[in-house]
């Protein structure tokens, strides 16, 4: 029987690879255009920003560092807002990952009455827009006397439905023999989770750390409702408060927005190793 498999011309594979690289390079550039525009605009004075807006034009003679000097040396609360956001993001990310991993562990390895119903509730909460839950959550925060506190901001997100679902699905692939062996060795249920399960969950935790960290850092609407004191503002609220019809704070707003990207970039590159590991390898190494 003759071989009927399609044959490729010499070099065809190379051409396809080059075309794919060119396509994704162009796509990445299109996606990065808004950020590149903001970075370039952050080196322009306020008059240029008001007159020309955001663009990719570079006038090397008129580029200036005055906007960044205004951030670092100016009379503003930028770094106080930055500190508030950083502390809130770190604490909320760690607490959300730990609590959500606990809940996901319970769903994955334990059978209890109402388990399926509760898991369906988690899925339903994932589908409901936050704007619908916002009013009852706000009334609850008022009843608990947690307005104008960071605990009031973190509380609704500690058991994050997306993280719970993700951890549950991840843990479904872990053999139950690990749990049984831990019990045979005398580990408590807490010890099994802390000593056996958490180390295995590193890739999943890293992936969710990127998501939860970005969500917490960029969260605007809920902190805006909860906080009252300007000294407690997070960075998104603080930057928004700089906007005025006269444009006298545009240089601080834009330079501050560029600097606000740095923590997320650090978080992503720090967790990238474990994130890729979770995408390319199994959760259990034999």
Protein backbone atom coordinates (compact mmCIF):
# COMPACT_ATOMS: atom_id res chain seq x y z
CA UNK A 1 0.00 0.00 0.00
CA UNK A 2 1.33 3.38 -0.96
CA UNK A 3 2.03 5.92 1.73
CA UNK A 4 -0.78 8.49 1.43
CA UNK A 5 0.37 10.73 4.28
CA UNK A 6 0.73 14.38 3.21
CA UNK A 7 4.30 15.39 2.63
CA UNK A 8 5.60 18.83 3.50
CA UNK A 9 7.99 20.72 1.31
CA UNK A 10 11.44 21.26 2.75
CA UNK A 11 11.33 24.41 4.81
CA UNK A 12 7.51 24.46 5.03
CA UNK A 13 7.65 23.82 8.77
CA UNK A 14 10.12 26.67 9.17
CA UNK A 15 7.87 29.05 7.24
CA UNK A 16 4.87 28.09 9.38
CA UNK A 17 6.90 28.68 12.54
CA UNK A 18 8.06 32.10 11.33
CA UNK A 19 4.49 33.09 10.42
CA UNK A 20 3.21 32.02 13.84
CA UNK A 21 5.96 33.97 15.60
CA UNK A 22 5.24 37.04 13.47
CA UNK A 23 1.50 36.77 14.15
CA UNK A 24 1.84 36.47 17.91
CA UNK A 25 4.50 39.20 18.00
CA UNK A 26 2.12 41.55 16.20
CA UNK A 27 -0.72 40.51 18.52
CA UNK A 28 1.43 41.14 21.60
CA UNK A 29 2.39 44.57 20.27
CA UNK A 30 -1.27 45.49 19.72
CA UNK A 31 -2.09 44.43 23.26
CA UNK A 32 0.87 46.41 24.66
CA UNK A 33 0.11 49.61 22.72
CA UNK A 34 -2.03 51.18 25.50
CA UNK A 35 0.63 50.49 28.13
CA UNK A 36 3.43 51.76 25.87
CA UNK A 37 1.37 54.90 25.26
CA UNK A 38 0.97 55.51 29.01
CA UNK A 39 4.70 54.98 29.63
CA UNK A 40 5.64 57.45 26.90
CA UNK A 41 3.06 59.98 28.10
CA UNK A 42 4.45 59.78 31.63
CA UNK A 43 7.61 61.52 30.34
CA UNK A 44 5.68 64.47 28.88
CA UNK A 45 4.69 67.65 30.70
CA UNK A 46 1.07 68.36 31.59
CA UNK A 47 0.57 70.88 28.76
CA UNK A 48 1.53 68.26 26.17
CA UNK A 49 -0.75 65.71 27.82
CA UNK A 50 -3.74 68.07 27.77
CA UNK A 51 -3.03 69.24 24.22
CA UNK A 52 -2.19 65.92 22.55
CA UNK A 53 -3.58 63.26 24.87
CA UNK A 54 -2.17 59.74 24.77
CA UNK A 55 -0.17 58.89 21.68
CA UNK A 56 2.96 57.11 20.52
CA UNK A 57 4.69 60.23 19.23
CA UNK A 58 8.10 60.80 20.82
CA UNK A 59 9.59 64.29 20.96
CA UNK A 60 12.99 63.54 22.48
CA UNK A 61 13.71 67.21 23.18
CA UNK A 62 10.65 67.65 25.39
CA UNK A 63 10.83 64.44 27.39
CA UNK A 64 11.14 65.11 31.11
CA UNK A 65 11.35 63.33 34.45
CA UNK A 66 9.36 66.05 36.22
CA UNK A 67 6.31 63.81 36.52
CA UNK A 68 8.27 61.19 38.46
CA UNK A 69 9.92 63.90 40.56
CA UNK A 70 6.42 65.08 41.47
CA UNK A 71 5.56 61.56 42.60
CA UNK A 72 8.69 61.06 44.73
CA UNK A 73 9.32 64.60 46.01
CA UNK A 74 5.93 66.30 45.63
CA UNK A 75 3.47 67.09 48.40
CA UNK A 76 1.04 64.22 47.85
CA UNK A 77 -0.16 61.02 49.50
CA UNK A 78 0.84 58.70 46.67
CA UNK A 79 3.21 56.51 48.66
CA UNK A 80 0.77 56.31 51.56
CA UNK A 81 -1.85 54.96 49.12
CA UNK A 82 0.79 52.68 47.64
CA UNK A 83 1.65 51.31 51.10
CA UNK A 84 -2.03 50.79 51.93
CA UNK A 85 -2.61 48.85 48.71
CA UNK A 86 0.55 46.78 49.19
CA UNK A 87 -0.33 45.74 52.75
CA UNK A 88 -3.94 45.02 51.83
CA UNK A 89 -2.94 42.98 48.76
CA UNK A 90 -0.36 40.87 50.61
CA UNK A 91 -2.63 40.11 53.58
CA UNK A 92 -5.71 39.47 51.44
CA UNK A 93 -3.84 37.25 48.98
CA UNK A 94 -2.29 35.07 51.71
CA UNK A 95 -5.55 34.82 53.68
CA UNK A 96 -7.67 34.13 50.60
CA UNK A 97 -5.33 31.42 49.31
CA UNK A 98 -5.14 29.69 52.69
CA UNK A 99 -8.88 29.75 53.43
CA UNK A 100 -9.93 28.92 49.88
CA UNK A 101 -7.43 26.05 49.77
CA UNK A 102 -8.92 24.71 53.02
CA UNK A 103 -12.42 24.82 51.54
CA UNK A 104 -11.27 23.25 48.26
CA UNK A 105 -9.51 20.52 50.24
CA UNK A 106 -12.73 19.80 52.13
CA UNK A 107 -14.77 19.55 48.95
CA UNK A 108 -12.19 17.34 47.25
CA UNK A 109 -11.47 14.77 49.98
CA UNK A 110 -14.41 14.67 52.36
CA UNK A 111 -17.95 13.41 51.96
CA UNK A 112 -20.52 15.18 54.13
CA UNK A 113 -24.21 15.96 54.09
CA UNK A 114 -25.08 18.82 51.75
CA UNK A 115 -21.71 18.74 49.97
CA UNK A 116 -23.17 18.85 46.46
CA UNK A 117 -25.62 21.60 47.43
CA UNK A 118 -22.85 23.76 48.91
CA UNK A 119 -20.64 23.25 45.87
CA UNK A 120 -23.53 24.30 43.61
CA UNK A 121 -23.84 27.43 45.78
CA UNK A 122 -20.17 28.16 45.11
CA UNK A 123 -20.79 27.86 41.36
CA UNK A 124 -23.86 30.12 41.57
CA UNK A 125 -21.91 32.82 43.43
CA UNK A 126 -19.29 32.67 40.66
CA UNK A 127 -22.02 33.49 38.11
CA UNK A 128 -23.62 36.39 40.01
CA UNK A 129 -22.16 39.84 39.19
CA UNK A 130 -20.66 41.64 42.15
CA UNK A 131 -22.95 44.63 41.57
CA UNK A 132 -25.92 42.46 42.60
CA UNK A 133 -24.21 41.31 45.81
CA UNK A 134 -22.82 44.73 46.62
CA UNK A 135 -25.81 46.16 48.54
CA UNK A 136 -26.41 43.16 50.86
CA UNK A 137 -22.67 42.88 51.49
CA UNK A 138 -22.48 46.58 52.33
CA UNK A 139 -25.40 46.29 54.77
CA UNK A 140 -23.65 43.34 56.38
CA UNK A 141 -20.43 45.32 56.78
CA UNK A 142 -22.40 48.15 58.40
CA UNK A 143 -24.10 45.69 60.77
CA UNK A 144 -20.68 44.30 61.76
CA UNK A 145 -19.35 47.85 62.26
CA UNK A 146 -16.52 47.21 59.79
CA UNK A 147 -16.89 50.30 57.59
CA UNK A 148 -13.70 52.29 57.02
CA UNK A 149 -11.58 49.23 57.90
CA UNK A 150 -9.41 46.94 55.81
CA UNK A 151 -11.07 43.91 57.39
CA UNK A 152 -14.34 45.12 55.86
CA UNK A 153 -12.64 45.14 52.45
CA UNK A 154 -11.12 41.66 52.81
CA UNK A 155 -13.97 39.82 54.49
CA UNK A 156 -16.21 39.19 51.41
CA UNK A 157 -13.25 37.76 49.44
CA UNK A 158 -11.60 35.44 52.00
CA UNK A 159 -13.49 32.40 50.68
CA UNK A 160 -13.22 33.28 47.00
CA UNK A 161 -15.54 31.12 44.85
CA UNK A 162 -13.20 31.05 41.85
CA UNK A 163 -10.26 30.00 44.04
CA UNK A 164 -12.37 27.36 45.79
CA UNK A 165 -13.49 25.89 42.46
CA UNK A 166 -9.94 25.97 41.09
CA UNK A 167 -8.42 24.27 44.14
CA UNK A 168 -11.16 21.65 44.22
CA UNK A 169 -10.55 20.75 40.58
CA UNK A 170 -6.78 20.68 41.13
CA UNK A 171 -7.05 18.42 44.17
CA UNK A 172 -9.31 15.98 42.34
CA UNK A 173 -6.19 14.74 40.55
CA UNK A 174 -4.34 13.92 43.77
CA UNK A 175 -4.59 10.24 44.85
CA UNK A 176 -6.52 9.62 48.07
CA UNK A 177 -3.76 7.23 49.11
CA UNK A 178 -1.78 10.30 50.21
CA UNK A 179 -4.48 11.13 52.75
CA UNK A 180 -4.72 7.52 53.91
CA UNK A 181 -0.96 7.20 54.33
CA UNK A 182 -0.93 10.40 56.40
CA UNK A 183 -3.61 9.04 58.70
CA UNK A 184 -1.74 5.74 59.07
CA UNK A 185 1.38 7.69 60.07
CA UNK A 186 -0.62 9.45 62.79
CA UNK A 187 -1.12 12.84 61.13
CA UNK A 188 -4.17 14.83 62.17
CA UNK A 189 -6.45 16.22 59.48
CA UNK A 190 -4.79 19.61 59.96
CA UNK A 191 -1.37 18.03 59.65
CA UNK A 192 -2.37 16.24 56.46
CA UNK A 193 -3.41 19.53 54.89
CA UNK A 194 -0.43 21.56 56.12
CA UNK A 195 2.33 18.97 55.65
CA UNK A 196 1.15 16.85 52.72
CA UNK A 197 -1.36 18.76 50.64
CA UNK A 198 -0.05 22.34 50.72
CA UNK A 199 3.43 21.41 49.34
CA UNK A 200 1.75 19.55 46.47
CA UNK A 201 -0.46 22.59 45.78
CA UNK A 202 2.44 24.99 45.10
CA UNK A 203 1.69 25.37 41.37
CA UNK A 204 -2.02 25.88 42.02
CA UNK A 205 -1.31 28.37 44.81
CA UNK A 206 1.07 30.29 42.55
CA UNK A 207 -1.48 30.50 39.74
CA UNK A 208 -4.18 31.71 42.13
CA UNK A 209 -1.74 34.12 43.81
CA UNK A 210 -1.38 35.93 40.49
CA UNK A 211 -5.14 36.13 40.03
CA UNK A 212 -6.03 37.07 43.62
CA UNK A 213 -3.13 39.51 43.87
CA UNK A 214 -4.12 41.32 40.68
CA UNK A 215 -7.75 41.40 41.76
CA UNK A 216 -6.92 42.83 45.19
CA UNK A 217 -4.42 45.38 43.86
CA UNK A 218 -6.82 46.69 41.21
CA UNK A 219 -10.01 46.44 43.29
CA UNK A 220 -11.73 49.81 43.17
CA UNK A 221 -15.50 49.68 43.69
CA UNK A 222 -15.72 47.76 46.97
CA UNK A 223 -12.92 49.69 48.78
CA UNK A 224 -14.53 52.90 47.55
CA UNK A 225 -17.78 51.91 49.30
CA UNK A 226 -16.14 50.75 52.53
CA UNK A 227 -13.46 53.38 53.12
CA UNK A 228 -14.17 56.92 54.35
CA UNK A 229 -10.82 58.24 55.52
CA UNK A 230 -8.57 59.54 52.73
CA UNK A 231 -5.51 58.40 54.69
CA UNK A 232 -6.75 54.80 54.28
CA UNK A 233 -7.39 55.06 50.53
CA UNK A 234 -5.94 52.36 48.33
CA UNK A 235 -3.97 53.29 45.23
CA UNK A 236 -6.82 52.98 42.66
CA UNK A 237 -9.07 55.24 44.77
CA UNK A 238 -6.25 57.69 45.47
CA UNK A 239 -5.28 57.98 41.81
CA UNK A 240 -8.90 58.53 40.83
CA UNK A 241 -9.19 61.33 43.40
CA UNK A 242 -6.39 63.18 41.58
CA UNK A 243 -8.52 63.64 38.47
CA UNK A 244 -9.94 67.10 37.95
CA UNK A 245 -11.51 68.98 35.01
CA UNK A 246 -8.51 71.31 34.89
CA UNK A 247 -5.93 68.61 34.35
CA UNK A 248 -3.59 69.95 37.02
CA UNK A 249 -2.83 66.46 38.34
CA UNK A 250 -2.54 64.52 35.09
CA UNK A 251 1.23 64.24 35.34
CA UNK A 252 1.02 62.73 38.82
CA UNK A 253 -1.87 60.48 37.82
CA UNK A 254 -0.09 59.03 34.78
CA UNK A 255 3.35 58.61 36.39
CA UNK A 256 1.71 57.06 39.44
CA UNK A 257 -0.24 54.66 37.22
CA UNK A 258 2.96 53.48 35.55
CA UNK A 259 4.63 52.85 38.93
CA UNK A 260 1.54 50.99 40.15
CA UNK A 261 2.21 48.24 37.60
CA UNK A 262 5.52 47.25 39.22
CA UNK A 263 4.16 45.13 42.14
CA UNK A 264 1.98 43.08 39.78
CA UNK A 265 4.94 42.49 37.47
CA UNK A 266 7.07 41.37 40.44
CA UNK A 267 4.27 39.05 41.60
CA UNK A 268 3.90 37.52 38.14
CA UNK A 269 7.60 36.89 37.57
CA UNK A 270 8.02 35.53 41.11
CA UNK A 271 5.19 33.01 40.66
CA UNK A 272 5.91 32.26 37.00
CA UNK A 273 8.17 29.29 37.76
CA UNK A 274 5.53 27.46 39.78
CA UNK A 275 2.77 28.54 37.40
CA UNK A 276 4.57 26.97 34.43
CA UNK A 277 5.36 23.90 36.53
CA UNK A 278 1.68 23.44 37.21
CA UNK A 279 0.91 23.69 33.50
CA UNK A 280 3.57 21.24 32.36
CA UNK A 281 3.88 18.59 35.06
CA UNK A 282 1.70 16.44 37.26
CA UNK A 283 0.84 17.33 40.80
CA UNK A 284 2.39 14.17 42.23
CA UNK A 285 5.89 13.02 41.43
CA UNK A 286 6.38 9.31 41.60
